[in-house]
Every structure is written in C-alpha cells, then in structure tokens.
Amino acid sequence: MTVHRTRLHHRTRPHRHVPHPPREHAKGAPSSSVARRLRARLAADQGDVPGWVLITLMTAGIVVALWAVASDQIVQIFENAMAPFLGGSL
C-alpha cells in the first residue's frame, strides 16, 4: 500500500481555516494576502533535492560502469536493432 506524501502530511498537521480579508482589487488580480501566502509557501518548499541528486548520480554511475564493461556488446545490440530500419547500412 502506498501513501501519498501530501495526504500523510495533511493527516499529521490539520489545515487551519484563516478568514480572508475582503478583496479590494481589480477582478482577476491576486490579492496581496494570496500573493504573500504563495511567496511564503514557495520559499518554504525545498523539496527532495538531495534525493534526486543522489538518484541521478547513481544512475550515471551505473551507466558508466556498464558502458566500461560491455561497450562492444551494447554497440552491437544497438546496431542489430537499428539495421532493419536503416537497410543494413550500419
């Protein structure tokens, strides 16, 4: 069973309702409180950058290791796969 991170987050910290001040701006333009909350949320959201960096570096390391060990076989597999589409000109 997979639990989405956002749902888990909302269960542990319930949302508090904050009353909004009346809107005194042109239609379609965001109110200053909405813009202020949006900027605060974007500044607080750091995400999982170290995790993605680690995954990217590990994937690159695996590709380099496989290429170093089996480069001839990988090139041969690619050429065999492309030959029918290119008329055997590889």
N, C-alpha and C. Protein backbone atom coordinates (compact mmCIF):
# COMPACT_ATOMS: atom_id res chain seq x y z
N MET A 1 0.84 -1.18 0.00
CA MET A 1 0.00 0.00 0.00
C MET A 1 0.88 1.24 0.00
N THR A 2 0.60 2.16 -0.87
CA THR A 2 1.37 3.39 -0.97
C THR A 2 0.57 4.55 -0.42
N VAL A 3 1.19 5.34 0.43
CA VAL A 3 0.54 6.52 0.99
C VAL A 3 1.21 7.73 0.38
N HIS A 4 0.41 8.57 -0.25
CA HIS A 4 0.94 9.77 -0.88
C HIS A 4 1.45 10.71 0.19
N ARG A 5 2.61 11.31 -0.02
CA ARG A 5 3.25 12.16 0.96
C ARG A 5 2.36 13.33 1.37
N THR A 6 1.65 13.91 0.43
CA THR A 6 0.80 15.05 0.74
C THR A 6 -0.34 14.64 1.67
N ARG A 7 -0.94 13.50 1.43
CA ARG A 7 -2.02 13.04 2.30
C ARG A 7 -1.51 12.75 3.70
N LEU A 8 -0.35 12.13 3.79
CA LEU A 8 0.23 11.86 5.09
C LEU A 8 0.52 13.16 5.81
N HIS A 9 1.01 14.14 5.09
CA HIS A 9 1.32 15.45 5.66
C HIS A 9 0.07 16.12 6.21
N HIS A 10 -1.02 16.04 5.47
CA HIS A 10 -2.26 16.68 5.91
C HIS A 10 -2.87 15.97 7.10
N ARG A 11 -2.66 14.69 7.25
CA ARG A 11 -3.19 13.98 8.40
C ARG A 11 -2.45 14.36 9.67
N THR A 12 -1.16 14.57 9.57
CA THR A 12 -0.39 14.87 10.77
C THR A 12 -0.50 16.33 11.18
N ARG A 13 -0.81 17.22 10.24
CA ARG A 13 -0.93 18.64 10.54
C ARG A 13 -2.21 19.16 9.91
N PRO A 14 -3.31 19.16 10.65
CA PRO A 14 -4.58 19.57 10.05
C PRO A 14 -4.55 21.03 9.60
N HIS A 15 -5.31 21.31 8.57
CA HIS A 15 -5.39 22.65 7.99
C HIS A 15 -6.24 23.54 8.90
N ARG A 16 -5.71 24.72 9.21
CA ARG A 16 -6.47 25.69 10.00
C ARG A 16 -7.07 26.71 9.05
N HIS A 17 -8.34 27.00 9.24
CA HIS A 17 -9.02 27.96 8.38
C HIS A 17 -8.66 29.37 8.84
N VAL A 18 -8.16 30.18 7.93
CA VAL A 18 -7.84 31.57 8.20
C VAL A 18 -8.79 32.42 7.38
N PRO A 19 -9.59 33.28 8.04
CA PRO A 19 -10.53 34.11 7.26
C PRO A 19 -9.77 35.08 6.37
N HIS A 20 -10.29 35.28 5.18
CA HIS A 20 -9.67 36.17 4.21
C HIS A 20 -10.25 37.57 4.33
N PRO A 21 -9.40 38.59 4.19
CA PRO A 21 -9.92 39.96 4.19
C PRO A 21 -10.70 40.21 2.90
N PRO A 22 -11.58 41.20 2.90
CA PRO A 22 -12.35 41.49 1.67
C PRO A 22 -11.41 41.91 0.54
N ARG A 23 -11.76 41.52 -0.67
CA ARG A 23 -10.93 41.83 -1.84
C ARG A 23 -11.22 43.25 -2.31
N GLU A 24 -10.15 44.04 -2.44
CA GLU A 24 -10.30 45.42 -2.89
C GLU A 24 -9.41 45.68 -4.10
N HIS A 25 -9.38 44.77 -5.03
CA HIS A 25 -8.52 44.92 -6.20
C HIS A 25 -9.29 44.61 -7.46
N ALA A 26 -8.65 44.83 -8.56
CA ALA A 26 -9.30 44.60 -9.85
C ALA A 26 -9.59 43.11 -10.01
N LYS A 27 -10.63 42.81 -10.76
CA LYS A 27 -11.02 41.43 -10.97
C LYS A 27 -9.92 40.68 -11.71
N GLY A 28 -9.56 39.50 -11.19
CA GLY A 28 -8.55 38.66 -11.81
C GLY A 28 -7.16 38.86 -11.23
N ALA A 29 -6.89 39.98 -10.57
CA ALA A 29 -5.58 40.21 -9.97
C ALA A 29 -5.56 39.56 -8.59
N PRO A 30 -4.47 38.89 -8.22
CA PRO A 30 -4.42 38.23 -6.91
C PRO A 30 -4.34 39.26 -5.80
N SER A 31 -5.01 38.96 -4.68
CA SER A 31 -4.94 39.87 -3.54
C SER A 31 -3.56 39.79 -2.92
N SER A 32 -3.20 40.81 -2.17
CA SER A 32 -1.87 40.83 -1.58
C SER A 32 -1.68 39.69 -0.60
N SER A 33 -2.74 39.29 0.13
CA SER A 33 -2.59 38.18 1.07
C SER A 33 -2.37 36.87 0.33
N VAL A 34 -3.02 36.67 -0.79
CA VAL A 34 -2.82 35.46 -1.58
C VAL A 34 -1.39 35.43 -2.12
N ALA A 35 -0.95 36.54 -2.66
CA ALA A 35 0.41 36.60 -3.19
C ALA A 35 1.43 36.40 -2.08
N ARG A 36 1.17 36.98 -0.92
CA ARG A 36 2.09 36.84 0.22
C ARG A 36 2.15 35.39 0.68
N ARG A 37 0.99 34.72 0.77
CA ARG A 37 0.97 33.31 1.17
C ARG A 37 1.66 32.44 0.13
N LEU A 38 1.46 32.75 -1.16
CA LEU A 38 2.09 31.99 -2.22
C LEU A 38 3.61 32.12 -2.16
N ARG A 39 4.08 33.36 -1.97
CA ARG A 39 5.53 33.55 -1.85
C ARG A 39 6.09 32.83 -0.63
N ALA A 40 5.38 32.85 0.48
CA ALA A 40 5.84 32.17 1.69
C ALA A 40 5.88 30.67 1.48
N ARG A 41 4.87 30.13 0.81
CA ARG A 41 4.85 28.68 0.58
C ARG A 41 5.95 28.25 -0.39
N LEU A 42 6.18 29.03 -1.44
CA LEU A 42 7.24 28.70 -2.39
C LEU A 42 8.61 28.81 -1.73
N ALA A 43 8.79 29.77 -0.85
CA ALA A 43 10.07 29.91 -0.16
C ALA A 43 10.30 28.77 0.83
N ALA A 44 9.22 28.25 1.43
CA ALA A 44 9.35 27.18 2.42
C ALA A 44 9.47 25.81 1.78
N ASP A 45 9.05 25.66 0.53
CA ASP A 45 9.07 24.36 -0.13
C ASP A 45 10.44 24.09 -0.71
N GLN A 46 11.20 23.22 -0.06
CA GLN A 46 12.54 22.92 -0.53
C GLN A 46 12.59 21.62 -1.32
N GLY A 47 11.59 20.79 -1.22
CA GLY A 47 11.55 19.56 -1.99
C GLY A 47 12.56 18.54 -1.51
N ASP A 48 12.82 17.58 -2.37
CA ASP A 48 13.73 16.49 -2.03
C ASP A 48 14.92 16.54 -2.97
N VAL A 49 15.61 17.67 -3.03
CA VAL A 49 16.72 17.84 -3.96
C VAL A 49 17.85 16.85 -3.68
N PRO A 50 18.29 16.65 -2.44
CA PRO A 50 19.39 15.70 -2.21
C PRO A 50 19.05 14.29 -2.69
N GLY A 51 17.81 13.88 -2.53
CA GLY A 51 17.41 12.55 -3.00
C GLY A 51 17.50 12.44 -4.52
N TRP A 52 17.02 13.46 -5.23
CA TRP A 52 17.07 13.42 -6.69
C TRP A 52 18.51 13.51 -7.20
N VAL A 53 19.35 14.28 -6.52
CA VAL A 53 20.76 14.36 -6.91
C VAL A 53 21.42 13.00 -6.73
N LEU A 54 21.13 12.35 -5.61
CA LEU A 54 21.71 11.02 -5.36
C LEU A 54 21.24 10.02 -6.41
N ILE A 55 19.97 10.02 -6.74
CA ILE A 55 19.45 9.09 -7.75
C ILE A 55 20.10 9.36 -9.10
N THR A 56 20.24 10.63 -9.47
CA THR A 56 20.85 10.98 -10.75
C THR A 56 22.31 10.54 -10.80
N LEU A 57 23.06 10.80 -9.74
CA LEU A 57 24.47 10.40 -9.72
C LEU A 57 24.63 8.89 -9.73
N MET A 58 23.78 8.18 -9.01
CA MET A 58 23.87 6.72 -9.01
C MET A 58 23.52 6.15 -10.38
N THR A 59 22.53 6.72 -11.03
CA THR A 59 22.16 6.25 -12.37
C THR A 59 23.31 6.50 -13.35
N ALA A 60 23.91 7.68 -13.28
CA ALA A 60 25.05 7.98 -14.15
C ALA A 60 26.20 7.03 -13.87
N GLY A 61 26.44 6.71 -12.61
CA GLY A 61 27.50 5.76 -12.26
C GLY A 61 27.24 4.37 -12.81
N ILE A 62 25.99 3.92 -12.75
CA ILE A 62 25.64 2.61 -13.30
C ILE A 62 25.84 2.58 -14.81
N VAL A 63 25.44 3.65 -15.49
CA VAL A 63 25.60 3.72 -16.94
C VAL A 63 27.09 3.68 -17.30
N VAL A 64 27.89 4.45 -16.60
CA VAL A 64 29.34 4.48 -16.89
C VAL A 64 29.95 3.11 -16.63
N ALA A 65 29.57 2.46 -15.52
CA ALA A 65 30.13 1.13 -15.21
C ALA A 65 29.73 0.11 -16.26
N LEU A 66 28.45 0.12 -16.66
CA LEU A 66 28.01 -0.83 -17.70
C LEU A 66 28.69 -0.54 -19.04
N TRP A 67 28.84 0.72 -19.38
CA TRP A 67 29.47 1.07 -20.64
C TRP A 67 30.94 0.64 -20.65
N ALA A 68 31.62 0.78 -19.51
CA ALA A 68 33.03 0.39 -19.43
C ALA A 68 33.19 -1.12 -19.56
N VAL A 69 32.26 -1.88 -19.01
CA VAL A 69 32.37 -3.33 -19.03
C VAL A 69 31.89 -3.92 -20.35
N ALA A 70 30.80 -3.39 -20.89
CA ALA A 70 30.15 -4.05 -22.03
C ALA A 70 29.92 -3.11 -23.20
N SER A 71 30.85 -2.21 -23.49
CA SER A 71 30.62 -1.24 -24.56
C SER A 71 30.48 -1.91 -25.92
N ASP A 72 31.31 -2.92 -26.21
CA ASP A 72 31.21 -3.59 -27.51
C ASP A 72 29.86 -4.28 -27.68
N GLN A 73 29.38 -4.94 -26.63
CA GLN A 73 28.10 -5.63 -26.71
C GLN A 73 26.94 -4.62 -26.84
N ILE A 74 27.04 -3.51 -26.14
CA ILE A 74 25.97 -2.50 -26.22
C ILE A 74 25.91 -1.91 -27.62
N VAL A 75 27.06 -1.62 -28.22
CA VAL A 75 27.08 -1.08 -29.58
C VAL A 75 26.54 -2.11 -30.56
N GLN A 76 26.88 -3.36 -30.39
CA GLN A 76 26.39 -4.42 -31.28
C GLN A 76 24.88 -4.58 -31.17
N ILE A 77 24.36 -4.54 -29.94
CA ILE A 77 22.91 -4.64 -29.74
C ILE A 77 22.20 -3.47 -30.44
N PHE A 78 22.74 -2.25 -30.28
CA PHE A 78 22.14 -1.08 -30.92
C PHE A 78 22.17 -1.21 -32.44
N GLU A 79 23.30 -1.61 -32.99
CA GLU A 79 23.41 -1.76 -34.44
C GLU A 79 22.46 -2.83 -34.96
N ASN A 80 22.33 -3.94 -34.25
CA ASN A 80 21.41 -5.00 -34.68
C ASN A 80 19.96 -4.52 -34.62
N ALA A 81 19.64 -3.70 -33.63
CA ALA A 81 18.28 -3.20 -33.51
C ALA A 81 17.95 -2.18 -34.59
N MET A 82 18.92 -1.37 -35.00
CA MET A 82 18.68 -0.32 -35.98
C MET A 82 18.82 -0.78 -37.42
N ALA A 83 19.51 -1.88 -37.66
CA ALA A 83 19.77 -2.34 -39.02
C ALA A 83 18.50 -2.52 -39.87
N PRO A 84 17.41 -3.12 -39.34
CA PRO A 84 16.22 -3.25 -40.18
C PRO A 84 15.61 -1.91 -40.62
N PHE A 85 15.77 -0.89 -39.83
CA PHE A 85 15.18 0.41 -40.16
C PHE A 85 16.07 1.19 -41.12
N LEU A 86 17.36 0.92 -41.09
CA LEU A 86 18.29 1.67 -41.92
C LEU A 86 18.77 0.86 -43.15
N GLY A 87 18.16 -0.27 -43.39
CA GLY A 87 18.51 -1.08 -44.54
C GLY A 87 19.86 -1.74 -44.43
N GLY A 88 20.32 -2.00 -43.20
CA GLY A 88 21.59 -2.67 -43.01
C GLY A 88 22.80 -1.81 -43.30
N SER A 89 22.66 -0.48 -43.28
CA SER A 89 23.77 0.39 -43.64
C SER A 89 24.68 0.73 -42.47
N LEU A 90 24.41 0.19 -41.29
CA LEU A 90 25.28 0.48 -40.14
C LEU A 90 26.55 -0.30 -40.18
